[in-house]
Amino acid sequence: MWRTFSSVDELGELSPAEIESMDIIFGQYGGWDAFRLCDETHRICGEWRDPHGSSIPISLKDIFIALGKSPEAATVMANSIYAQNNLDILLGDLR
């Protein structure tokens, strides 16, 4: 199930800080089964809402609200990201 790497070079363009973060997270949670990990992420992630047997995407606005932003600020921040993504798509089409 887990992929192993024989060299840090195989991780591509990850920075040393990103690799260190992955090592820390894997050290803490790597031995957990999928159900325990799922329960824990639902417990600690304020943006998650129970979809009652289905699944629903988590919006950027909900993430920002869970991080303590006001609903108004969260809307502005999310819209800014959506606008930037749309601009990136448009500019990419011009290349």
Foldseek 3Di string as FASTA:
>chain_A
DDDDDPDPVVVPPDDPVRVVVVVVVCVVPVPPDPVVVVVVCCVPQQQDDDPPPDDDDRAQLSNVVSVPDDSVVSVVVRVVVVVVVVVVVVVVVVD
